[in-house]
PDB file of N, CA and C in Angstrom:
ATOM      1  N   UNK A   1       0.547  -1.266  -0.346  1.00  0.00           N
ATOM      2  CA  UNK A   1       0.395  -0.347  -0.054  1.00  0.00           C
ATOM      3  C   UNK A   1       1.209   1.205   0.277  1.00  0.00           C
ATOM      4  N   UNK A   2       0.275   2.436  -0.792  1.00  0.00           N
ATOM      5  CA  UNK A   2       1.315   3.144  -0.978  1.00  0.00           C
ATOM      6  C   UNK A   2       1.173   4.538   0.520  1.00  0.00           C
ATOM      7  N   UNK A   3       1.965   5.029   0.451  1.00  0.00           N
ATOM      8  CA  UNK A   3       1.642   5.842   1.672  1.00  0.00           C
ATOM      9  C   UNK A   3       1.257   7.684   1.612  1.00  0.00           C
ATOM     10  N   UNK A   4       1.928   7.908  -0.181  1.00  0.00           N
ATOM     11  CA  UNK A   4       1.938   9.042  -0.257  1.00  0.00           C
ATOM     12  C   UNK A   4       0.794   9.959   0.480  1.00  0.00           C
ATOM     13  N   UNK A   5      -0.468   9.570   0.133  1.00  0.00           N
ATOM     14  CA  UNK A   5      -1.438  10.379   0.385  1.00  0.00           C
ATOM     15  C   UNK A   5      -1.547  10.534   2.267  1.00  0.00           C
ATOM     16  N   UNK A   6      -1.690   9.522   2.849  1.00  0.00           N
ATOM     17  CA  UNK A   6      -0.839   9.441   4.058  1.00  0.00           C
ATOM     18  C   UNK A   6       0.108  10.533   5.071  1.00  0.00           C
ATOM     19  N   UNK A   7       0.653  10.581   3.909  1.00  0.00           N
ATOM     20  CA  UNK A   7       2.151  11.316   4.475  1.00  0.00           C
ATOM     21  C   UNK A   7       1.641  13.607   4.167  1.00  0.00           C
ATOM     22  N   UNK A   8       0.891  13.362   2.855  1.00  0.00           N
ATOM     23  CA  UNK A   8       0.188  13.789   2.517  1.00  0.00           C
ATOM     24  C   UNK A   8      -0.348  14.920   3.759  1.00  0.00           C
ATOM     25  N   UNK A   9      -1.060  14.336   4.068  1.00  0.00           N
ATOM     26  CA  UNK A   9      -2.487  14.000   5.206  1.00  0.00           C
ATOM     27  C   UNK A   9      -1.869  14.988   6.489  1.00  0.00           C
ATOM     28  N   UNK A  10      -1.312  13.760   7.434  1.00  0.00           N
ATOM     29  CA  UNK A  10      -0.255  13.804   8.212  1.00  0.00           C
ATOM     30  C   UNK A  10       0.946  15.573   8.628  1.00  0.00           C
ATOM     31  N   UNK A  11       1.358  15.763   7.437  1.00  0.00           N
ATOM     32  CA  UNK A  11       2.896  16.909   6.521  1.00  0.00           C
ATOM     33  C   UNK A  11       0.916  17.637   7.451  1.00  0.00           C
ATOM     34  N   UNK A  12       0.124  18.058   6.666  1.00  0.00           N
ATOM     35  CA  UNK A  12      -0.618  19.520   6.815  1.00  0.00           C
ATOM     36  C   UNK A  12      -0.708  20.088   8.447  1.00  0.00           C
ATOM     37  N   UNK A  13       0.165  18.840   9.356  1.00  0.00           N
ATOM     38  CA  UNK A  13      -0.519  18.885  10.917  1.00  0.00           C
ATOM     39  C   UNK A  13       0.370  18.940  11.909  1.00  0.00           C
ATOM     40  N   UNK A  14       1.814  18.515  10.839  1.00  0.00           N
ATOM     41  CA  UNK A  14       2.973  19.191  11.449  1.00  0.00           C
ATOM     42  C   UNK A  14       3.609  19.549  10.723  1.00  0.00           C
ATOM     43  N   UNK A  15       2.341  20.237   9.929  1.00  0.00           N
ATOM     44  CA  UNK A  15       3.669  21.735   9.095  1.00  0.00           C
ATOM     45  C   UNK A  15       4.847  21.693   8.606  1.00  0.00           C
ATOM     46  N   UNK A  16       5.070  19.975   8.136  1.00  0.00           N
ATOM     47  CA  UNK A  16       6.031  19.741   7.086  1.00  0.00           C
ATOM     48  C   UNK A  16       6.069  19.736   6.049  1.00  0.00           C
ATOM     49  N   UNK A  17       7.476  18.843   5.219  1.00  0.00           N
ATOM     50  CA  UNK A  17       7.448  19.105   3.401  1.00  0.00           C
ATOM     51  C   UNK A  17       6.373  16.911   3.672  1.00  0.00           C
ATOM     52  N   UNK A  18       5.657  16.591   3.182  1.00  0.00           N
ATOM     53  CA  UNK A  18       6.074  15.752   2.761  1.00  0.00           C
ATOM     54  C   UNK A  18       6.289  14.445   3.156  1.00  0.00           C
ATOM     55  N   UNK A  19       7.386  15.277   2.187  1.00  0.00           N
ATOM     56  CA  UNK A  19       8.637  14.629   2.196  1.00  0.00           C
ATOM     57  C   UNK A  19       9.676  14.195   3.247  1.00  0.00           C
ATOM     58  N   UNK A  20       8.950  14.975   4.370  1.00  0.00           N
ATOM     59  CA  UNK A  20      10.203  14.846   5.403  1.00  0.00           C
ATOM     60  C   UNK A  20       9.600  13.905   6.467  1.00  0.00           C
ATOM     61  N   UNK A  21       8.639  13.015   6.643  1.00  0.00           N
ATOM     62  CA  UNK A  21       7.988  12.564   6.427  1.00  0.00           C
ATOM     63  C   UNK A  21       8.384  10.693   7.083  1.00  0.00           C
ATOM     64  N   UNK A  22       9.249  10.212   8.289  1.00  0.00           N
ATOM     65  CA  UNK A  22      10.537   8.982   8.163  1.00  0.00           C
ATOM     66  C   UNK A  22       8.854   8.077   9.185  1.00  0.00           C
ATOM     67  N   UNK A  23       9.137   6.976   9.514  1.00  0.00           N
ATOM     68  CA  UNK A  23       8.278   5.952   9.589  1.00  0.00           C
ATOM     69  C   UNK A  23       8.865   6.355  11.442  1.00  0.00           C
ATOM     70  N   UNK A  24      10.409   6.895  11.679  1.00  0.00           N
ATOM     71  CA  UNK A  24      10.048   7.781  12.947  1.00  0.00           C
ATOM     72  C   UNK A  24       9.362   8.798  12.735  1.00  0.00           C
ATOM     73  N   UNK A  25       8.992   9.315  12.334  1.00  0.00           N
ATOM     74  CA  UNK A  25       8.579  11.284  12.639  1.00  0.00           C
ATOM     75  C   UNK A  25       7.313  11.399  13.176  1.00  0.00           C
ATOM     76  N   UNK A  26       7.644  11.421  14.781  1.00  0.00           N
ATOM     77  CA  UNK A  26       6.517  11.529  15.586  1.00  0.00           C
ATOM     78  C   UNK A  26       5.214  12.275  15.475  1.00  0.00           C
ATOM     79  N   UNK A  27       4.050  11.901  15.288  1.00  0.00           N
ATOM     80  CA  UNK A  27       3.073  12.478  14.886  1.00  0.00           C
ATOM     81  C   UNK A  27       2.090  12.231  16.601  1.00  0.00           C
ATOM     82  N   UNK A  28       2.163  11.889  17.551  1.00  0.00           N
ATOM     83  CA  UNK A  28       0.729  11.311  18.409  1.00  0.00           C
ATOM     84  C   UNK A  28       0.980  14.327  18.808  1.00  0.00           C
ATOM     85  N   UNK A  29       0.159  14.319  20.325  1.00  0.00           N
ATOM     86  CA  UNK A  29       0.215  15.369  21.105  1.00  0.00           C
ATOM     87  C   UNK A  29       0.822  16.375  20.983  1.00  0.00           C
ATOM     88  N   UNK A  30       2.347  15.723  21.196  1.00  0.00           N
ATOM     89  CA  UNK A  30       3.751  16.534  21.407  1.00  0.00           C
ATOM     90  C   UNK A  30       3.831  17.318  20.427  1.00  0.00           C
ATOM     91  N   UNK A  31       3.815  16.524  19.796  1.00  0.00           N
ATOM     92  CA  UNK A  31       3.921  18.027  17.663  1.00  0.00           C
ATOM     93  C   UNK A  31       2.771  18.125  17.985  1.00  0.00           C
ATOM     94  N   UNK A  32       2.186  17.696  17.498  1.00  0.00           N
ATOM     95  CA  UNK A  32       0.268  18.323  16.797  1.00  0.00           C
ATOM     96  C   UNK A  32       0.067  18.745  18.232  1.00  0.00           C
ATOM     97  N   UNK A  33      -0.028  20.772  18.288  1.00  0.00           N
ATOM     98  CA  UNK A  33      -0.293  21.454  19.147  1.00  0.00           C
ATOM     99  C   UNK A  33      -2.116  21.180  19.545  1.00  0.00           C
ATOM    100  N   UNK A  34      -3.150  20.372  20.904  1.00  0.00           N
ATOM    101  CA  UNK A  34      -3.227  20.066  21.177  1.00  0.00           C
ATOM    102  C   UNK A  34      -3.712  18.530  20.859  1.00  0.00           C
ATOM    103  N   UNK A  35      -5.139  18.254  21.166  1.00  0.00           N
ATOM    104  CA  UNK A  35      -5.915  17.006  21.248  1.00  0.00           C
ATOM    105  C   UNK A  35      -7.128  17.472  19.567  1.00  0.00           C
ATOM    106  N   UNK A  36      -7.509  18.040  19.995  1.00  0.00           N
ATOM    107  CA  UNK A  36      -8.307  18.606  18.811  1.00  0.00           C
ATOM    108  C   UNK A  36      -7.798  18.786  16.982  1.00  0.00           C
ATOM    109  N   UNK A  37      -6.465  19.103  16.958  1.00  0.00           N
ATOM    110  CA  UNK A  37      -5.741  18.621  15.610  1.00  0.00           C
ATOM    111  C   UNK A  37      -5.485  16.994  15.236  1.00  0.00           C
ATOM    112  N   UNK A  38      -4.848  16.984  16.617  1.00  0.00           N
ATOM    113  CA  UNK A  38      -4.295  15.325  15.880  1.00  0.00           C
ATOM    114  C   UNK A  38      -6.149  14.895  15.964  1.00  0.00           C
ATOM    115  N   UNK A  39      -7.460  14.994  16.591  1.00  0.00           N
ATOM    116  CA  UNK A  39      -7.919  14.186  16.176  1.00  0.00           C
ATOM    117  C   UNK A  39      -8.644  14.454  14.556  1.00  0.00           C
ATOM    118  N   UNK A  40      -9.051  15.921  14.745  1.00  0.00           N
ATOM    119  CA  UNK A  40      -8.769  16.536  13.120  1.00  0.00           C
ATOM    120  C   UNK A  40      -8.281  15.278  11.653  1.00  0.00           C
ATOM    121  N   UNK A  41      -7.299  15.131  12.311  1.00  0.00           N
ATOM    122  CA  UNK A  41      -5.402  14.532  11.680  1.00  0.00           C
ATOM    123  C   UNK A  41      -6.202  13.040  11.496  1.00  0.00           C
ATOM    124  N   UNK A  42      -6.952  13.060  11.998  1.00  0.00           N
ATOM    125  CA  UNK A  42      -7.355  11.585  12.390  1.00  0.00           C
ATOM    126  C   UNK A  42      -8.507  11.250  11.661  1.00  0.00           C
ATOM    127  N   UNK A  43      -9.684  12.464  11.464  1.00  0.00           N
ATOM    128  CA  UNK A  43     -10.994  12.841  11.519  1.00  0.00           C
ATOM    129  C   UNK A  43     -10.542  12.126   9.966  1.00  0.00           C
ATOM    130  N   UNK A  44      -9.746  13.314   8.838  1.00  0.00           N
ATOM    131  CA  UNK A  44      -9.321  13.090   7.554  1.00  0.00           C
ATOM    132  C   UNK A  44      -9.141  11.949   7.177  1.00  0.00           C
ATOM    133  N   UNK A  45      -7.955  11.270   7.729  1.00  0.00           N
ATOM    134  CA  UNK A  45      -6.977   9.297   7.572  1.00  0.00           C
ATOM    135  C   UNK A  45      -9.068   9.204   7.544  1.00  0.00           C
ATOM    136  N   UNK A  46      -8.678   8.721   8.518  1.00  0.00           N
ATOM    137  CA  UNK A  46     -10.211   8.319   8.084  1.00  0.00           C
ATOM    138  C   UNK A  46     -11.764   8.500   6.952  1.00  0.00           C
ATOM    139  N   UNK A  47     -11.787   9.882   7.162  1.00  0.00           N
ATOM    140  CA  UNK A  47     -12.268  10.259   5.474  1.00  0.00           C
ATOM    141  C   UNK A  47     -11.649   9.596   4.349  1.00  0.00           C
ATOM    142  N   UNK A  48     -10.782   9.809   4.828  1.00  0.00           N
ATOM    143  CA  UNK A  48      -9.892   9.221   3.018  1.00  0.00           C
ATOM    144  C   UNK A  48      -9.951   8.346   2.758  1.00  0.00           C
ATOM    145  N   UNK A  49      -9.677   7.530   4.074  1.00  0.00           N
ATOM    146  CA  UNK A  49      -9.484   5.831   3.599  1.00  0.00           C
ATOM    147  C   UNK A  49     -10.275   4.480   4.265  1.00  0.00           C
ATOM    148  N   UNK A  50     -11.830   5.575   4.930  1.00  0.00           N
ATOM    149  CA  UNK A  50     -12.984   4.987   4.595  1.00  0.00           C
ATOM    150  C   UNK A  50     -12.670   4.302   5.648  1.00  0.00           C
ATOM    151  N   UNK A  51     -12.362   3.876   6.524  1.00  0.00           N
ATOM    152  CA  UNK A  51     -11.834   3.601   8.030  1.00  0.00           C
ATOM    153  C   UNK A  51     -12.677   4.474   9.407  1.00  0.00           C
ATOM    154  N   UNK A  52     -12.216   3.463   9.999  1.00  0.00           N
ATOM    155  CA  UNK A  52     -12.740   4.317  11.232  1.00  0.00           C
ATOM    156  C   UNK A  52     -11.152   3.334  12.022  1.00  0.00           C
ATOM    157  N   UNK A  53      -9.822   4.573  13.264  1.00  0.00           N
ATOM    158  CA  UNK A  53      -9.239   4.195  12.875  1.00  0.00           C
ATOM    159  C   UNK A  53      -9.825   4.070  14.706  1.00  0.00           C
ATOM    160  N   UNK A  54      -9.679   2.981  15.453  1.00  0.00           N
ATOM    161  CA  UNK A  54     -10.205   2.918  16.782  1.00  0.00           C
ATOM    162  C   UNK A  54      -9.135   3.242  18.064  1.00  0.00           C
ATOM    163  N   UNK A  55      -7.402   2.556  17.906  1.00  0.00           N
ATOM    164  CA  UNK A  55      -6.901   2.611  19.194  1.00  0.00           C
ATOM    165  C   UNK A  55      -6.253   4.173  18.324  1.00  0.00           C
ATOM    166  N   UNK A  56      -6.254   5.074  17.953  1.00  0.00           N
ATOM    167  CA  UNK A  56      -5.509   5.544  17.890  1.00  0.00           C
ATOM    168  C   UNK A  56      -4.367   6.672  19.334  1.00  0.00           C
ATOM    169  N   UNK A  57      -4.585   6.687  20.376  1.00  0.00           N
ATOM    170  CA  UNK A  57      -4.173   7.005  21.316  1.00  0.00           C
ATOM    171  C   UNK A  57      -2.650   6.238  21.499  1.00  0.00           C
ATOM    172  N   UNK A  58      -2.422   5.058  21.289  1.00  0.00           N
ATOM    173  CA  UNK A  58      -1.457   4.351  21.515  1.00  0.00           C
ATOM    174  C   UNK A  58      -0.248   5.066  19.898  1.00  0.00           C
ATOM    175  N   UNK A  59      -1.228   5.784  19.189  1.00  0.00           N
ATOM    176  CA  UNK A  59      -0.271   6.024  18.342  1.00  0.00           C
ATOM    177  C   UNK A  59       1.322   6.611  18.258  1.00  0.00           C
ATOM    178  N   UNK A  60       1.759   6.108  17.887  1.00  0.00           N
ATOM    179  CA  UNK A  60       3.334   7.915  18.424  1.00  0.00           C
ATOM    180  C   UNK A  60       4.074   7.836  17.451  1.00  0.00           C
ATOM    181  N   UNK A  61       4.827   6.879  16.498  1.00  0.00           N
ATOM    182  CA  UNK A  61       5.353   8.141  15.821  1.00  0.00           C
ATOM    183  C   UNK A  61       4.814   7.243  13.774  1.00  0.00           C
ATOM    184  N   UNK A  62       4.462   8.157  13.010  1.00  0.00           N
ATOM    185  CA  UNK A  62       4.530   7.598  11.463  1.00  0.00           C
ATOM    186  C   UNK A  62       3.918   6.400  10.692  1.00  0.00           C
ATOM    187  N   UNK A  63       4.851   5.561  11.826  1.00  0.00           N
ATOM    188  CA  UNK A  63       5.242   3.165  11.552  1.00  0.00           C
ATOM    189  C   UNK A  63       3.568   3.504  12.078  1.00  0.00           C
ATOM    190  N   UNK A  64       3.421   3.865  13.426  1.00  0.00           N
ATOM    191  CA  UNK A  64       2.730   3.492  14.295  1.00  0.00           C
ATOM    192  C   UNK A  64       1.233   3.902  13.526  1.00  0.00           C
ATOM    193  N   UNK A  65       1.071   4.800  12.950  1.00  0.00           N
ATOM    194  CA  UNK A  65      -0.037   5.261  12.127  1.00  0.00           C
ATOM    195  C   UNK A  65      -0.230   4.317  10.961  1.00  0.00           C
ATOM    196  N   UNK A  66       0.683   4.188   9.844  1.00  0.00           N
ATOM    197  CA  UNK A  66       0.667   3.373   8.386  1.00  0.00           C
ATOM    198  C   UNK A  66       0.229   1.353   9.004  1.00  0.00           C
ATOM    199  N   UNK A  67       0.999   0.867  10.424  1.00  0.00           N
ATOM    200  CA  UNK A  67       0.662  -0.031  10.730  1.00  0.00           C
ATOM    201  C   UNK A  67      -0.988  -0.277  11.193  1.00  0.00           C
ATOM    202  N   UNK A  68      -1.297  -0.027  11.736  1.00  0.00           N
ATOM    203  CA  UNK A  68      -2.509   0.284  12.374  1.00  0.00           C
ATOM    204  C   UNK A  68      -3.894   1.255  11.143  1.00  0.00           C
ATOM    205  N   UNK A  69      -2.789   2.140  10.428  1.00  0.00           N
ATOM    206  CA  UNK A  69      -4.091   1.702   8.481  1.00  0.00           C
ATOM    207  C   UNK A  69      -4.328   0.138   7.949  1.00  0.00           C
ATOM    208  N   UNK A  70      -3.057  -0.187   7.963  1.00  0.00           N
ATOM    209  CA  UNK A  70      -2.756  -0.779   6.890  1.00  0.00           C
ATOM    210  C   UNK A  70      -3.864  -1.734   7.200  1.00  0.00           C
ATOM    211  N   UNK A  71      -3.772  -1.934   8.419  1.00  0.00           N
ATOM    212  CA  UNK A  71      -4.682  -3.360   9.118  1.00  0.00           C
ATOM    213  C   UNK A  71      -5.689  -3.591   8.984  1.00  0.00           C
ATOM    214  N   UNK A  72      -6.499  -1.852   8.298  1.00  0.00           N
ATOM    215  CA  UNK A  72      -7.761  -1.954   8.077  1.00  0.00           C
ATOM    216  C   UNK A  72      -8.643  -1.868   6.916  1.00  0.00           C
ATOM    217  N   UNK A  73      -7.297  -1.335   6.156  1.00  0.00           N
ATOM    218  CA  UNK A  73      -8.068  -1.208   5.095  1.00  0.00           C
ATOM    219  C   UNK A  73      -7.373  -3.003   4.432  1.00  0.00           C
ATOM    220  N   UNK A  74      -6.809  -3.718   3.832  1.00  0.00           N
ATOM    221  CA  UNK A  74      -6.887  -4.791   3.780  1.00  0.00           C
ATOM    222  C   UNK A  74      -7.471  -5.156   2.240  1.00  0.00           C
TER     223      UNK A  74
END
Protein backbone atom coordinates (compact mmCIF):
# COMPACT_ATOMS: atom_id res chain seq x y z
CA UNK A 1 0.00 0.00 0.00
CA UNK A 2 1.30 3.40 -0.96
CA UNK A 3 1.62 5.88 1.90
CA UNK A 4 1.91 9.00 -0.26
CA UNK A 5 -1.56 10.39 0.56
CA UNK A 6 -1.16 9.49 4.22
CA UNK A 7 2.07 11.50 4.35
CA UNK A 8 0.30 14.39 2.64
CA UNK A 9 -2.48 14.42 5.25
CA UNK A 10 -0.10 14.11 8.19
CA UNK A 11 2.24 16.77 6.81
CA UNK A 12 -0.52 19.40 7.01
CA UNK A 13 -0.84 18.84 10.75
CA UNK A 14 2.90 18.57 11.39
CA UNK A 15 3.51 21.63 9.20
CA UNK A 16 6.34 19.95 7.31
CA UNK A 17 6.83 18.74 3.76
CA UNK A 18 5.53 15.18 3.11
CA UNK A 19 9.02 14.19 1.94
CA UNK A 20 10.33 14.84 5.46
CA UNK A 21 8.06 12.23 7.02
CA UNK A 22 9.74 8.93 7.85
CA UNK A 23 8.59 5.90 9.81
CA UNK A 24 10.20 7.30 12.97
CA UNK A 25 8.47 10.71 12.68
CA UNK A 26 6.57 11.47 15.89
CA UNK A 27 2.88 12.21 15.24
CA UNK A 28 1.34 12.32 18.71
CA UNK A 29 0.06 15.25 20.79
CA UNK A 30 3.61 16.23 21.71
CA UNK A 31 4.19 17.54 18.16
CA UNK A 32 0.64 18.25 17.02
CA UNK A 33 -0.35 21.08 19.30
CA UNK A 34 -3.57 20.10 21.00
CA UNK A 35 -5.70 17.02 20.94
CA UNK A 36 -8.30 18.74 18.74
CA UNK A 37 -5.82 18.98 15.87
CA UNK A 38 -4.75 15.38 16.41
CA UNK A 39 -8.39 14.27 16.23
CA UNK A 40 -8.91 16.33 13.08
CA UNK A 41 -5.95 14.58 11.48
CA UNK A 42 -7.37 11.17 12.41
CA UNK A 43 -10.76 12.26 11.10
CA UNK A 44 -9.27 13.24 7.73
CA UNK A 45 -7.46 9.92 7.52
CA UNK A 46 -10.67 8.06 8.39
CA UNK A 47 -12.61 10.01 5.76
CA UNK A 48 -10.03 9.58 3.02
CA UNK A 49 -9.54 5.85 3.56
CA UNK A 50 -13.18 5.23 4.54
CA UNK A 51 -12.23 3.45 7.75
CA UNK A 52 -12.47 4.04 11.48
CA UNK A 53 -9.19 4.14 13.42
CA UNK A 54 -10.26 3.28 16.94
CA UNK A 55 -7.11 2.81 19.00
CA UNK A 56 -5.37 5.96 17.92
CA UNK A 57 -4.29 6.89 21.45
CA UNK A 58 -1.44 4.38 21.06
CA UNK A 59 -0.18 6.01 17.85
CA UNK A 60 3.16 7.67 18.54
CA UNK A 61 5.03 7.47 15.22
CA UNK A 62 4.17 7.51 11.54
CA UNK A 63 5.05 3.82 11.46
CA UNK A 64 2.44 3.13 14.17
CA UNK A 65 -0.14 5.02 12.13
CA UNK A 66 0.69 3.14 8.92
CA UNK A 67 0.54 -0.20 10.70
CA UNK A 68 -2.86 0.55 12.23
CA UNK A 69 -4.26 2.01 9.01
CA UNK A 70 -3.06 -0.69 6.66
CA UNK A 71 -4.31 -3.43 9.00
CA UNK A 72 -7.80 -1.95 8.51
CA UNK A 73 -7.55 -1.57 4.73
CA UNK A 74 -6.38 -5.02 3.64
